Amino acid sequence: MNQQDIIKEIGQIRSIMEKSSKFISISGLSGVLIGTYALIGAALGYLIVYGFKSQFGYRDHFVTDEIIIVKLLLIALFVLLISIVTGVLMAKRKAKRINQSIWNATSRSLLFAVAVPLITGGVFSLIIFAKGYYGLIASSLLIFYGLALNAASTYTFKEVKWLGIFEIILGLLALCFPGYGLWFWALGFGVLHIIYGLIVYKRYE
């Protein structure tokens, strides 16, 4: 066996080990689509809050109108729903292409790792929503989402960890700049997802 054959064998062994220990069915293109959904949702939210004639100046006030809050919540839930559906469908499609089961020990571990911070963040956000601390919702969701991604990175691409770190940073910045929640939402759930999706697609797909 020559050196080229040895290198090829090592590559095959590495690929088998990666498939068994990492959930690699996450689609980069789904990240791009999810980011696009988030940007559209943020744009709709901006129009609902500020209207068509608003100036892009500093936002030194908070949204307190309950009707507007409900509309923003519905937009967020709809974006979340179509994002989950898109992610699952494209993961199934990729899993079929690379001959990997979408539901296995690794995906179950990943789901549990993500569920703990996501559920905690969701309950925390509902509590501060009920208390009327609307200005903290965007930052809270970004921070807990970032923590979820950081936990998930153990079971999937290493780029997920960096996405999580940047989400946490944006969440902390959102706390420092009240009134800019929609902007940080658009950057975190929109722009960062698109960049992440393009990187994953280029490197692995």
N, C-alpha and C. Protein backbone atom coordinates (compact mmCIF):
# COMPACT_ATOMS: atom_id res chain seq x y z
N MET A 1 0.85 -1.20 0.00
CA MET A 1 0.00 0.00 0.00
C MET A 1 0.89 1.25 0.00
N ASN A 2 0.71 2.11 -1.03
CA ASN A 2 1.53 3.30 -1.11
C ASN A 2 0.96 4.43 -0.24
N GLN A 3 1.67 5.56 -0.26
CA GLN A 3 1.30 6.68 0.62
C GLN A 3 -0.08 7.24 0.26
N GLN A 4 -0.39 7.31 -1.03
CA GLN A 4 -1.68 7.85 -1.47
C GLN A 4 -2.84 6.98 -0.97
N ASP A 5 -2.64 5.66 -1.01
CA ASP A 5 -3.69 4.75 -0.51
C ASP A 5 -3.89 4.92 0.99
N ILE A 6 -2.78 5.11 1.71
CA ILE A 6 -2.88 5.29 3.16
C ILE A 6 -3.66 6.57 3.48
N ILE A 7 -3.33 7.64 2.77
CA ILE A 7 -4.02 8.92 2.98
C ILE A 7 -5.51 8.79 2.68
N LYS A 8 -5.82 8.05 1.62
CA LYS A 8 -7.22 7.83 1.25
C LYS A 8 -7.96 7.04 2.32
N GLU A 9 -7.30 6.00 2.86
CA GLU A 9 -7.91 5.19 3.91
C GLU A 9 -8.16 6.02 5.17
N ILE A 10 -7.18 6.85 5.53
CA ILE A 10 -7.32 7.70 6.71
C ILE A 10 -8.48 8.67 6.53
N GLY A 11 -8.61 9.20 5.32
CA GLY A 11 -9.72 10.12 5.01
C GLY A 11 -11.07 9.44 5.15
N GLN A 12 -11.15 8.19 4.68
CA GLN A 12 -12.40 7.45 4.78
C GLN A 12 -12.75 7.14 6.24
N ILE A 13 -11.75 6.75 7.02
CA ILE A 13 -11.97 6.47 8.45
C ILE A 13 -12.43 7.73 9.17
N ARG A 14 -11.78 8.84 8.85
CA ARG A 14 -12.16 10.12 9.47
C ARG A 14 -13.59 10.49 9.13
N SER A 15 -13.98 10.26 7.88
CA SER A 15 -15.34 10.58 7.45
C SER A 15 -16.36 9.73 8.19
N ILE A 16 -16.06 8.43 8.36
CA ILE A 16 -16.97 7.53 9.08
C ILE A 16 -17.11 7.95 10.54
N MET A 17 -15.99 8.30 11.16
CA MET A 17 -16.02 8.72 12.56
C MET A 17 -16.79 10.02 12.73
N GLU A 18 -16.63 10.93 11.78
CA GLU A 18 -17.34 12.21 11.85
C GLU A 18 -18.84 12.01 11.72
N LYS A 19 -19.24 11.12 10.81
CA LYS A 19 -20.67 10.85 10.62
C LYS A 19 -21.29 10.22 11.86
N SER A 20 -20.49 9.44 12.58
CA SER A 20 -21.03 8.76 13.75
C SER A 20 -21.08 9.66 14.98
N SER A 21 -20.23 10.69 15.03
CA SER A 21 -20.15 11.53 16.23
C SER A 21 -20.66 12.95 16.02
N LYS A 22 -20.88 13.33 14.78
CA LYS A 22 -21.34 14.69 14.48
C LYS A 22 -22.61 14.65 13.66
N PHE A 23 -23.50 15.60 13.95
CA PHE A 23 -24.71 15.73 13.14
C PHE A 23 -24.39 16.72 12.02
N ILE A 24 -24.12 16.20 10.83
CA ILE A 24 -23.66 17.05 9.72
C ILE A 24 -24.74 17.24 8.67
N SER A 25 -25.99 16.96 9.03
CA SER A 25 -27.08 17.12 8.06
C SER A 25 -27.65 18.53 8.04
N ILE A 26 -27.10 19.40 8.89
CA ILE A 26 -27.56 20.79 8.88
C ILE A 26 -27.17 21.44 7.56
N SER A 27 -28.13 22.04 6.88
CA SER A 27 -27.89 22.63 5.58
C SER A 27 -27.47 24.09 5.70
N GLY A 28 -26.41 24.44 4.98
CA GLY A 28 -25.97 25.83 4.95
C GLY A 28 -27.00 26.74 4.30
N LEU A 29 -27.65 26.23 3.27
CA LEU A 29 -28.66 27.03 2.57
C LEU A 29 -29.86 27.32 3.47
N SER A 30 -30.16 26.41 4.39
CA SER A 30 -31.26 26.67 5.32
C SER A 30 -30.91 27.85 6.21
N GLY A 31 -29.63 27.99 6.58
CA GLY A 31 -29.20 29.15 7.35
C GLY A 31 -29.42 30.44 6.60
N VAL A 32 -29.14 30.41 5.30
CA VAL A 32 -29.36 31.60 4.47
C VAL A 32 -30.84 31.95 4.41
N LEU A 33 -31.68 30.94 4.21
CA LEU A 33 -33.13 31.19 4.14
C LEU A 33 -33.68 31.67 5.48
N ILE A 34 -33.24 31.06 6.57
CA ILE A 34 -33.71 31.48 7.90
C ILE A 34 -33.30 32.92 8.18
N GLY A 35 -32.08 33.26 7.80
CA GLY A 35 -31.63 34.65 7.96
C GLY A 35 -32.46 35.61 7.14
N THR A 36 -32.84 35.20 5.95
CA THR A 36 -33.68 36.03 5.08
C THR A 36 -35.06 36.23 5.69
N TYR A 37 -35.63 35.14 6.23
CA TYR A 37 -36.93 35.25 6.91
C TYR A 37 -36.85 36.27 8.06
N ALA A 38 -35.76 36.19 8.83
CA ALA A 38 -35.60 37.08 9.98
C ALA A 38 -35.51 38.54 9.54
N LEU A 39 -34.80 38.79 8.45
CA LEU A 39 -34.68 40.16 7.95
C LEU A 39 -36.03 40.70 7.48
N ILE A 40 -36.79 39.85 6.81
CA ILE A 40 -38.12 40.27 6.37
C ILE A 40 -39.01 40.54 7.59
N GLY A 41 -38.95 39.66 8.59
CA GLY A 41 -39.73 39.86 9.80
C GLY A 41 -39.33 41.14 10.52
N ALA A 42 -38.01 41.41 10.60
CA ALA A 42 -37.54 42.63 11.25
C ALA A 42 -38.01 43.87 10.50
N ALA A 43 -38.00 43.80 9.17
CA ALA A 43 -38.46 44.94 8.36
C ALA A 43 -39.95 45.20 8.60
N LEU A 44 -40.74 44.13 8.65
CA LEU A 44 -42.16 44.29 8.93
C LEU A 44 -42.38 44.87 10.33
N GLY A 45 -41.58 44.38 11.30
CA GLY A 45 -41.68 44.90 12.66
C GLY A 45 -41.33 46.37 12.73
N TYR A 46 -40.31 46.77 11.98
CA TYR A 46 -39.90 48.17 11.96
C TYR A 46 -41.02 49.05 11.41
N LEU A 47 -41.66 48.59 10.35
CA LEU A 47 -42.75 49.37 9.76
C LEU A 47 -43.94 49.47 10.71
N ILE A 48 -44.20 48.38 11.43
CA ILE A 48 -45.31 48.40 12.39
C ILE A 48 -45.03 49.39 13.53
N VAL A 49 -43.79 49.41 13.99
CA VAL A 49 -43.44 50.27 15.13
C VAL A 49 -43.28 51.72 14.72
N TYR A 50 -42.53 51.95 13.63
CA TYR A 50 -42.15 53.32 13.29
C TYR A 50 -42.84 53.89 12.05
N GLY A 51 -43.43 53.02 11.23
CA GLY A 51 -44.12 53.51 10.04
C GLY A 51 -43.18 53.77 8.88
N PHE A 52 -43.74 54.23 7.78
CA PHE A 52 -42.97 54.46 6.56
C PHE A 52 -42.19 55.77 6.58
N LYS A 53 -42.61 56.72 7.39
CA LYS A 53 -42.00 58.05 7.35
C LYS A 53 -41.00 58.28 8.48
N SER A 54 -40.60 57.24 9.17
CA SER A 54 -39.71 57.42 10.30
C SER A 54 -38.30 57.75 9.84
N GLN A 55 -37.55 58.44 10.71
CA GLN A 55 -36.15 58.73 10.46
C GLN A 55 -35.30 57.65 11.13
N PHE A 56 -34.15 57.37 10.55
CA PHE A 56 -33.29 56.32 11.09
C PHE A 56 -32.37 56.89 12.17
N GLY A 57 -32.94 57.62 13.09
CA GLY A 57 -32.17 58.21 14.18
C GLY A 57 -32.18 57.31 15.40
N TYR A 58 -31.67 57.85 16.51
CA TYR A 58 -31.59 57.08 17.75
C TYR A 58 -32.98 56.83 18.31
N ARG A 59 -33.23 55.62 18.74
CA ARG A 59 -34.54 55.26 19.28
C ARG A 59 -34.47 55.32 20.81
N ASP A 60 -34.91 56.43 21.36
CA ASP A 60 -34.79 56.59 22.80
C ASP A 60 -36.10 56.31 23.53
N HIS A 61 -37.02 55.62 22.86
CA HIS A 61 -38.26 55.27 23.52
C HIS A 61 -38.53 53.78 23.35
N PHE A 62 -39.42 53.27 24.17
CA PHE A 62 -39.74 51.85 24.13
C PHE A 62 -41.17 51.66 23.63
N VAL A 63 -41.41 50.52 23.03
CA VAL A 63 -42.75 50.19 22.56
C VAL A 63 -43.57 49.69 23.74
N THR A 64 -44.68 50.35 24.00
CA THR A 64 -45.54 49.95 25.12
C THR A 64 -46.97 49.67 24.68
N ASP A 65 -47.30 49.99 23.42
CA ASP A 65 -48.64 49.74 22.92
C ASP A 65 -48.87 48.23 22.81
N GLU A 66 -49.88 47.73 23.51
CA GLU A 66 -50.10 46.28 23.55
C GLU A 66 -50.46 45.71 22.18
N ILE A 67 -51.17 46.46 21.37
CA ILE A 67 -51.53 45.99 20.03
C ILE A 67 -50.27 45.78 19.19
N ILE A 68 -49.36 46.75 19.25
CA ILE A 68 -48.10 46.63 18.51
C ILE A 68 -47.28 45.46 19.02
N ILE A 69 -47.24 45.29 20.34
CA ILE A 69 -46.49 44.18 20.94
C ILE A 69 -47.03 42.84 20.44
N VAL A 70 -48.35 42.72 20.39
CA VAL A 70 -48.98 41.47 19.92
C VAL A 70 -48.62 41.22 18.46
N LYS A 71 -48.65 42.27 17.64
CA LYS A 71 -48.30 42.13 16.22
C LYS A 71 -46.85 41.68 16.06
N LEU A 72 -45.96 42.27 16.84
CA LEU A 72 -44.55 41.88 16.78
C LEU A 72 -44.37 40.43 17.23
N LEU A 73 -45.13 40.04 18.24
CA LEU A 73 -45.05 38.66 18.73
C LEU A 73 -45.53 37.68 17.67
N LEU A 74 -46.59 38.02 16.97
CA LEU A 74 -47.11 37.15 15.90
C LEU A 74 -46.11 37.01 14.76
N ILE A 75 -45.46 38.13 14.40
CA ILE A 75 -44.44 38.08 13.35
C ILE A 75 -43.30 37.17 13.78
N ALA A 76 -42.85 37.33 15.03
CA ALA A 76 -41.75 36.51 15.54
C ALA A 76 -42.10 35.02 15.54
N LEU A 77 -43.32 34.70 15.96
CA LEU A 77 -43.75 33.31 16.00
C LEU A 77 -43.85 32.72 14.59
N PHE A 78 -44.33 33.52 13.64
CA PHE A 78 -44.44 33.04 12.27
C PHE A 78 -43.05 32.80 11.67
N VAL A 79 -42.12 33.73 11.92
CA VAL A 79 -40.75 33.55 11.44
C VAL A 79 -40.13 32.31 12.06
N LEU A 80 -40.37 32.09 13.36
CA LEU A 80 -39.86 30.91 14.04
C LEU A 80 -40.42 29.64 13.42
N LEU A 81 -41.71 29.63 13.15
CA LEU A 81 -42.37 28.44 12.59
C LEU A 81 -41.81 28.07 11.23
N ILE A 82 -41.75 29.05 10.32
CA ILE A 82 -41.26 28.73 8.97
C ILE A 82 -39.76 28.42 8.99
N SER A 83 -39.03 28.98 9.96
CA SER A 83 -37.61 28.68 10.08
C SER A 83 -37.40 27.23 10.52
N ILE A 84 -38.20 26.77 11.48
CA ILE A 84 -38.10 25.39 11.94
C ILE A 84 -38.46 24.42 10.82
N VAL A 85 -39.55 24.71 10.12
CA VAL A 85 -39.98 23.85 9.01
C VAL A 85 -38.90 23.79 7.93
N THR A 86 -38.35 24.96 7.57
CA THR A 86 -37.29 25.01 6.56
C THR A 86 -36.08 24.22 7.00
N GLY A 87 -35.65 24.42 8.26
CA GLY A 87 -34.47 23.72 8.76
C GLY A 87 -34.64 22.21 8.75
N VAL A 88 -35.80 21.73 9.19
CA VAL A 88 -36.05 20.29 9.26
C VAL A 88 -36.12 19.68 7.86
N LEU A 89 -36.85 20.32 6.97
CA LEU A 89 -37.00 19.79 5.61
C LEU A 89 -35.66 19.73 4.87
N MET A 90 -34.85 20.79 5.00
CA MET A 90 -33.57 20.81 4.30
C MET A 90 -32.56 19.87 4.96
N ALA A 91 -32.69 19.66 6.27
CA ALA A 91 -31.83 18.70 6.95
C ALA A 91 -32.16 17.27 6.48
N LYS A 92 -33.45 16.99 6.34
CA LYS A 92 -33.86 15.67 5.83
C LYS A 92 -33.33 15.45 4.42
N ARG A 93 -33.43 16.49 3.62
CA ARG A 93 -32.95 16.39 2.23
C ARG A 93 -31.44 16.13 2.18
N LYS A 94 -30.68 16.85 3.01
CA LYS A 94 -29.23 16.65 3.02
C LYS A 94 -28.87 15.29 3.60
N ALA A 95 -29.60 14.89 4.67
CA ALA A 95 -29.32 13.59 5.28
C ALA A 95 -29.52 12.46 4.28
N LYS A 96 -30.54 12.57 3.48
CA LYS A 96 -30.80 11.54 2.47
C LYS A 96 -29.68 11.52 1.44
N ARG A 97 -29.18 12.71 1.11
CA ARG A 97 -28.13 12.80 0.09
C ARG A 97 -26.82 12.20 0.58
N ILE A 98 -26.49 12.41 1.87
CA ILE A 98 -25.22 11.90 2.40
C ILE A 98 -25.40 10.57 3.12
N ASN A 99 -26.60 9.99 3.00
CA ASN A 99 -26.88 8.68 3.58
C ASN A 99 -26.70 8.66 5.09
N GLN A 100 -27.27 9.67 5.76
CA GLN A 100 -27.23 9.74 7.22
C GLN A 100 -28.65 9.89 7.75
N SER A 101 -28.96 9.18 8.82
CA SER A 101 -30.27 9.29 9.44
C SER A 101 -30.38 10.62 10.18
N ILE A 102 -31.51 11.29 10.02
CA ILE A 102 -31.70 12.57 10.70
C ILE A 102 -32.02 12.38 12.18
N TRP A 103 -32.48 11.19 12.55
CA TRP A 103 -32.83 10.91 13.94
C TRP A 103 -31.97 9.77 14.45
N ASN A 104 -30.91 10.11 15.17
CA ASN A 104 -30.00 9.11 15.72
C ASN A 104 -29.51 9.58 17.08
N ALA A 105 -28.55 8.87 17.64
CA ALA A 105 -28.06 9.21 18.98
C ALA A 105 -27.46 10.61 19.02
N THR A 106 -26.74 10.97 17.95
CA THR A 106 -26.11 12.29 17.92
C THR A 106 -27.14 13.41 17.83
N SER A 107 -28.14 13.24 16.96
CA SER A 107 -29.17 14.28 16.82
C SER A 107 -29.99 14.41 18.09
N ARG A 108 -30.19 13.30 18.80
CA ARG A 108 -30.93 13.37 20.07
C ARG A 108 -30.12 14.13 21.12
N SER A 109 -28.82 13.89 21.15
CA SER A 109 -27.95 14.62 22.08
C SER A 109 -27.92 16.10 21.75
N LEU A 110 -27.87 16.39 20.45
CA LEU A 110 -27.88 17.79 20.01
C LEU A 110 -29.18 18.47 20.41
N LEU A 111 -30.30 17.78 20.21
CA LEU A 111 -31.60 18.35 20.54
C LEU A 111 -31.71 18.65 22.04
N PHE A 112 -31.21 17.74 22.86
CA PHE A 112 -31.26 17.96 24.31
C PHE A 112 -30.37 19.13 24.71
N ALA A 113 -29.18 19.21 24.10
CA ALA A 113 -28.25 20.30 24.42
C ALA A 113 -28.84 21.66 24.07
N VAL A 114 -29.57 21.70 22.97
CA VAL A 114 -30.18 22.96 22.52
C VAL A 114 -31.43 23.28 23.34
N ALA A 115 -32.18 22.25 23.71
CA ALA A 115 -33.48 22.45 24.35
C ALA A 115 -33.37 23.16 25.70
N VAL A 116 -32.34 22.83 26.49
CA VAL A 116 -32.24 23.40 27.83
C VAL A 116 -32.12 24.92 27.80
N PRO A 117 -31.14 25.51 27.09
CA PRO A 117 -31.07 26.98 27.05
C PRO A 117 -32.22 27.63 26.30
N LEU A 118 -32.74 26.94 25.25
CA LEU A 118 -33.84 27.54 24.49
C LEU A 118 -35.12 27.61 25.31
N ILE A 119 -35.45 26.53 26.00
CA ILE A 119 -36.65 26.53 26.84
C ILE A 119 -36.50 27.53 27.98
N THR A 120 -35.32 27.55 28.59
CA THR A 120 -35.06 28.51 29.66
C THR A 120 -35.22 29.94 29.15
N GLY A 121 -34.64 30.21 27.98
CA GLY A 121 -34.75 31.55 27.39
C GLY A 121 -36.18 31.90 27.03
N GLY A 122 -36.93 30.91 26.53
CA GLY A 122 -38.33 31.17 26.18
C GLY A 122 -39.17 31.50 27.40
N VAL A 123 -38.98 30.72 28.49
CA VAL A 123 -39.73 30.98 29.72
C VAL A 123 -39.32 32.33 30.32
N PHE A 124 -38.02 32.62 30.30
CA PHE A 124 -37.53 33.90 30.82
C PHE A 124 -38.13 35.07 30.04
N SER A 125 -38.19 34.93 28.71
CA SER A 125 -38.75 35.99 27.87
C SER A 125 -40.24 36.18 28.13
N LEU A 126 -40.95 35.08 28.35
CA LEU A 126 -42.38 35.19 28.67
C LEU A 126 -42.60 35.90 30.00
N ILE A 127 -41.71 35.64 30.95
CA ILE A 127 -41.84 36.29 32.27
C ILE A 127 -41.62 37.79 32.15
N ILE A 128 -40.55 38.20 31.46
CA ILE A 128 -40.29 39.64 31.34
C ILE A 128 -41.33 40.30 30.43
N PHE A 129 -41.91 39.53 29.51
CA PHE A 129 -43.00 40.06 28.69
C PHE A 129 -44.22 40.33 29.56
N ALA A 130 -44.54 39.37 30.42
CA ALA A 130 -45.69 39.54 31.32
C ALA A 130 -45.47 40.69 32.30
N LYS A 131 -44.21 40.93 32.68
CA LYS A 131 -43.90 42.02 33.60
C LYS A 131 -43.84 43.38 32.91
N GLY A 132 -43.87 43.36 31.57
CA GLY A 132 -43.85 44.62 30.83
C GLY A 132 -42.47 45.14 30.50
N TYR A 133 -41.43 44.31 30.69
CA TYR A 133 -40.07 44.74 30.36
C TYR A 133 -39.77 44.42 28.89
N TYR A 134 -40.48 45.08 28.00
CA TYR A 134 -40.40 44.75 26.58
C TYR A 134 -39.01 45.02 25.98
N GLY A 135 -38.32 46.00 26.54
CA GLY A 135 -37.01 46.35 26.01
C GLY A 135 -35.94 45.29 26.22
N LEU A 136 -36.22 44.31 27.06
CA LEU A 136 -35.23 43.26 27.35
C LEU A 136 -35.45 42.00 26.52
N ILE A 137 -36.55 41.94 25.80
CA ILE A 137 -36.90 40.70 25.09
C ILE A 137 -35.89 40.36 24.00
N ALA A 138 -35.58 41.33 23.14
CA ALA A 138 -34.66 41.06 22.02
C ALA A 138 -33.30 40.60 22.51
N SER A 139 -32.76 41.29 23.52
CA SER A 139 -31.44 40.92 24.04
C SER A 139 -31.48 39.54 24.70
N SER A 140 -32.55 39.25 25.43
CA SER A 140 -32.67 37.95 26.10
C SER A 140 -32.70 36.80 25.10
N LEU A 141 -33.50 36.97 24.04
CA LEU A 141 -33.59 35.91 23.03
C LEU A 141 -32.26 35.68 22.34
N LEU A 142 -31.55 36.76 22.05
CA LEU A 142 -30.24 36.62 21.39
C LEU A 142 -29.25 35.90 22.30
N ILE A 143 -29.22 36.27 23.58
CA ILE A 143 -28.27 35.66 24.51
C ILE A 143 -28.55 34.17 24.70
N PHE A 144 -29.80 33.82 24.96
CA PHE A 144 -30.13 32.41 25.20
C PHE A 144 -29.98 31.58 23.91
N TYR A 145 -30.28 32.19 22.78
CA TYR A 145 -30.08 31.49 21.50
C TYR A 145 -28.60 31.23 21.27
N GLY A 146 -27.78 32.23 21.60
CA GLY A 146 -26.34 32.05 21.47
C GLY A 146 -25.83 30.94 22.38
N LEU A 147 -26.34 30.87 23.60
CA LEU A 147 -25.95 29.80 24.52
C LEU A 147 -26.38 28.43 23.98
N ALA A 148 -27.55 28.38 23.35
CA ALA A 148 -28.02 27.12 22.76
C ALA A 148 -27.11 26.67 21.62
N LEU A 149 -26.72 27.62 20.78
CA LEU A 149 -25.83 27.29 19.67
C LEU A 149 -24.47 26.83 20.17
N ASN A 150 -23.98 27.48 21.21
CA ASN A 150 -22.69 27.10 21.78
C ASN A 150 -22.74 25.67 22.32
N ALA A 151 -23.87 25.32 22.94
CA ALA A 151 -24.03 23.94 23.43
C ALA A 151 -24.14 22.96 22.28
N ALA A 152 -24.80 23.37 21.20
CA ALA A 152 -25.01 22.48 20.05
C ALA A 152 -23.73 22.23 19.26
N SER A 153 -22.78 23.15 19.36
CA SER A 153 -21.57 23.06 18.54
C SER A 153 -20.76 21.80 18.82
N THR A 154 -20.94 21.21 19.99
CA THR A 154 -20.24 19.96 20.33
C THR A 154 -20.66 18.83 19.40
N TYR A 155 -21.87 18.90 18.88
CA TYR A 155 -22.42 17.79 18.09
C TYR A 155 -22.55 18.11 16.60
N THR A 156 -22.05 19.27 16.17
CA THR A 156 -22.17 19.60 14.76
C THR A 156 -21.00 20.47 14.32
N PHE A 157 -21.17 21.26 13.29
CA PHE A 157 -20.07 22.05 12.74
C PHE A 157 -19.50 23.03 13.77
N LYS A 158 -18.17 23.26 13.69
CA LYS A 158 -17.53 24.19 14.63
C LYS A 158 -17.97 25.62 14.38
N GLU A 159 -18.46 25.91 13.17
CA GLU A 159 -18.93 27.27 12.87
C GLU A 159 -20.14 27.66 13.72
N VAL A 160 -20.88 26.67 14.18
CA VAL A 160 -22.05 26.94 15.01
C VAL A 160 -21.63 27.60 16.32
N LYS A 161 -20.47 27.21 16.84
CA LYS A 161 -19.98 27.80 18.09
C LYS A 161 -19.72 29.29 17.91
N TRP A 162 -19.09 29.65 16.79
CA TRP A 162 -18.79 31.07 16.55
C TRP A 162 -20.07 31.86 16.32
N LEU A 163 -21.03 31.25 15.65
CA LEU A 163 -22.33 31.91 15.49
C LEU A 163 -22.94 32.19 16.86
N GLY A 164 -22.87 31.20 17.76
CA GLY A 164 -23.41 31.37 19.10
C GLY A 164 -22.72 32.48 19.87
N ILE A 165 -21.38 32.55 19.76
CA ILE A 165 -20.63 33.58 20.47
C ILE A 165 -21.03 34.98 19.99
N PHE A 166 -21.16 35.13 18.68
CA PHE A 166 -21.55 36.44 18.14
C PHE A 166 -22.98 36.80 18.52
N GLU A 167 -23.85 35.79 18.61
CA GLU A 167 -25.23 36.05 19.05
C GLU A 167 -25.24 36.57 20.49
N ILE A 168 -24.42 35.97 21.34
CA ILE A 168 -24.33 36.41 22.74
C ILE A 168 -23.80 37.84 22.82
N ILE A 169 -22.78 38.13 22.03
CA ILE A 169 -22.21 39.49 22.02
C ILE A 169 -23.26 40.51 21.60
N LEU A 170 -24.01 40.19 20.55
CA LEU A 170 -25.06 41.11 20.10
C LEU A 170 -26.14 41.29 21.17
N GLY A 171 -26.48 40.19 21.86
CA GLY A 171 -27.46 40.27 22.93
C GLY A 171 -27.01 41.19 24.05
N LEU A 172 -25.73 41.12 24.41
CA LEU A 172 -25.19 41.99 25.46
C LEU A 172 -25.15 43.44 24.99
N LEU A 173 -24.81 43.65 23.72
CA LEU A 173 -24.81 45.01 23.17
C LEU A 173 -26.22 45.59 23.15
N ALA A 174 -27.21 44.73 22.86
CA ALA A 174 -28.61 45.19 22.86
C ALA A 174 -29.02 45.71 24.23
N LEU A 175 -28.45 45.13 25.29
CA LEU A 175 -28.72 45.63 26.63
C LEU A 175 -28.12 47.01 26.86
N CYS A 176 -26.99 47.25 26.20
CA CYS A 176 -26.29 48.53 26.37
C CYS A 176 -26.93 49.65 25.55
N PHE A 177 -27.65 49.28 24.49
CA PHE A 177 -28.25 50.29 23.61
C PHE A 177 -29.75 50.06 23.51
N PRO A 178 -30.50 50.41 24.56
CA PRO A 178 -31.96 50.24 24.53
C PRO A 178 -32.59 51.07 23.43
N GLY A 179 -33.62 50.52 22.83
CA GLY A 179 -34.28 51.21 21.73
C GLY A 179 -33.85 50.71 20.36
N TYR A 180 -32.81 49.86 20.35
CA TYR A 180 -32.31 49.32 19.08
C TYR A 180 -32.57 47.82 18.96
N GLY A 181 -33.56 47.32 19.67
CA GLY A 181 -33.83 45.89 19.70
C GLY A 181 -34.04 45.28 18.32
N LEU A 182 -34.81 45.95 17.48
CA LEU A 182 -35.08 45.42 16.14
C LEU A 182 -33.81 45.34 15.29
N TRP A 183 -32.92 46.32 15.47
CA TRP A 183 -31.68 46.31 14.70
C TRP A 183 -30.80 45.14 15.11
N PHE A 184 -30.66 44.93 16.41
CA PHE A 184 -29.85 43.81 16.87
C PHE A 184 -30.50 42.47 16.51
N TRP A 185 -31.83 42.44 16.53
CA TRP A 185 -32.56 41.24 16.10
C TRP A 185 -32.22 40.93 14.64
N ALA A 186 -32.27 41.97 13.80
CA ALA A 186 -31.98 41.79 12.37
C ALA A 186 -30.54 41.33 12.15
N LEU A 187 -29.61 41.90 12.91
CA LEU A 187 -28.21 41.50 12.78
C LEU A 187 -27.98 40.07 13.25
N GLY A 188 -28.55 39.73 14.41
CA GLY A 188 -28.31 38.41 14.99
C GLY A 188 -29.00 37.29 14.27
N PHE A 189 -30.32 37.42 14.11
CA PHE A 189 -31.08 36.34 13.50
C PHE A 189 -31.09 36.42 11.97
N GLY A 190 -30.75 37.58 11.43
CA GLY A 190 -30.77 37.75 9.99
C GLY A 190 -29.39 37.68 9.36
N VAL A 191 -28.60 38.74 9.54
CA VAL A 191 -27.31 38.86 8.86
C VAL A 191 -26.35 37.74 9.26
N LEU A 192 -26.22 37.48 10.56
CA LEU A 192 -25.29 36.44 11.02
C LEU A 192 -25.67 35.06 10.49
N HIS A 193 -26.96 34.78 10.42
CA HIS A 193 -27.40 33.49 9.89
C HIS A 193 -27.04 33.35 8.41
N ILE A 194 -27.20 34.41 7.67
CA ILE A 194 -26.88 34.36 6.24
C ILE A 194 -25.38 34.14 6.05
N ILE A 195 -24.55 34.86 6.81
CA ILE A 195 -23.10 34.69 6.71
C ILE A 195 -22.70 33.28 7.10
N TYR A 196 -23.26 32.80 8.21
CA TYR A 196 -22.97 31.43 8.68
C TYR A 196 -23.38 30.41 7.62
N GLY A 197 -24.59 30.57 7.07
CA GLY A 197 -25.08 29.63 6.08
C GLY A 197 -24.20 29.56 4.85
N LEU A 198 -23.72 30.72 4.39
CA LEU A 198 -22.85 30.76 3.21
C LEU A 198 -21.50 30.09 3.50
N ILE A 199 -20.96 30.30 4.70
CA ILE A 199 -19.70 29.68 5.07
C ILE A 199 -19.82 28.16 5.12
N VAL A 200 -20.89 27.67 5.77
CA VAL A 200 -21.10 26.22 5.88
C VAL A 200 -21.32 25.61 4.50
N TYR A 201 -22.09 26.28 3.68
CA TYR A 201 -22.36 25.76 2.33
C TYR A 201 -21.07 25.67 1.51
N LYS A 202 -20.24 26.70 1.62
CA LYS A 202 -18.98 26.72 0.84
C LYS A 202 -18.01 25.66 1.32
N ARG A 203 -17.93 25.47 2.64
CA ARG A 203 -16.93 24.55 3.20
C ARG A 203 -17.33 23.08 3.14
N TYR A 204 -18.63 22.79 3.30
CA TYR A 204 -19.04 21.41 3.47
C TYR A 204 -19.98 20.89 2.38
N GLU A 205 -20.54 21.78 1.59
CA GLU A 205 -21.53 21.31 0.62
C GLU A 205 -21.13 21.61 -0.82
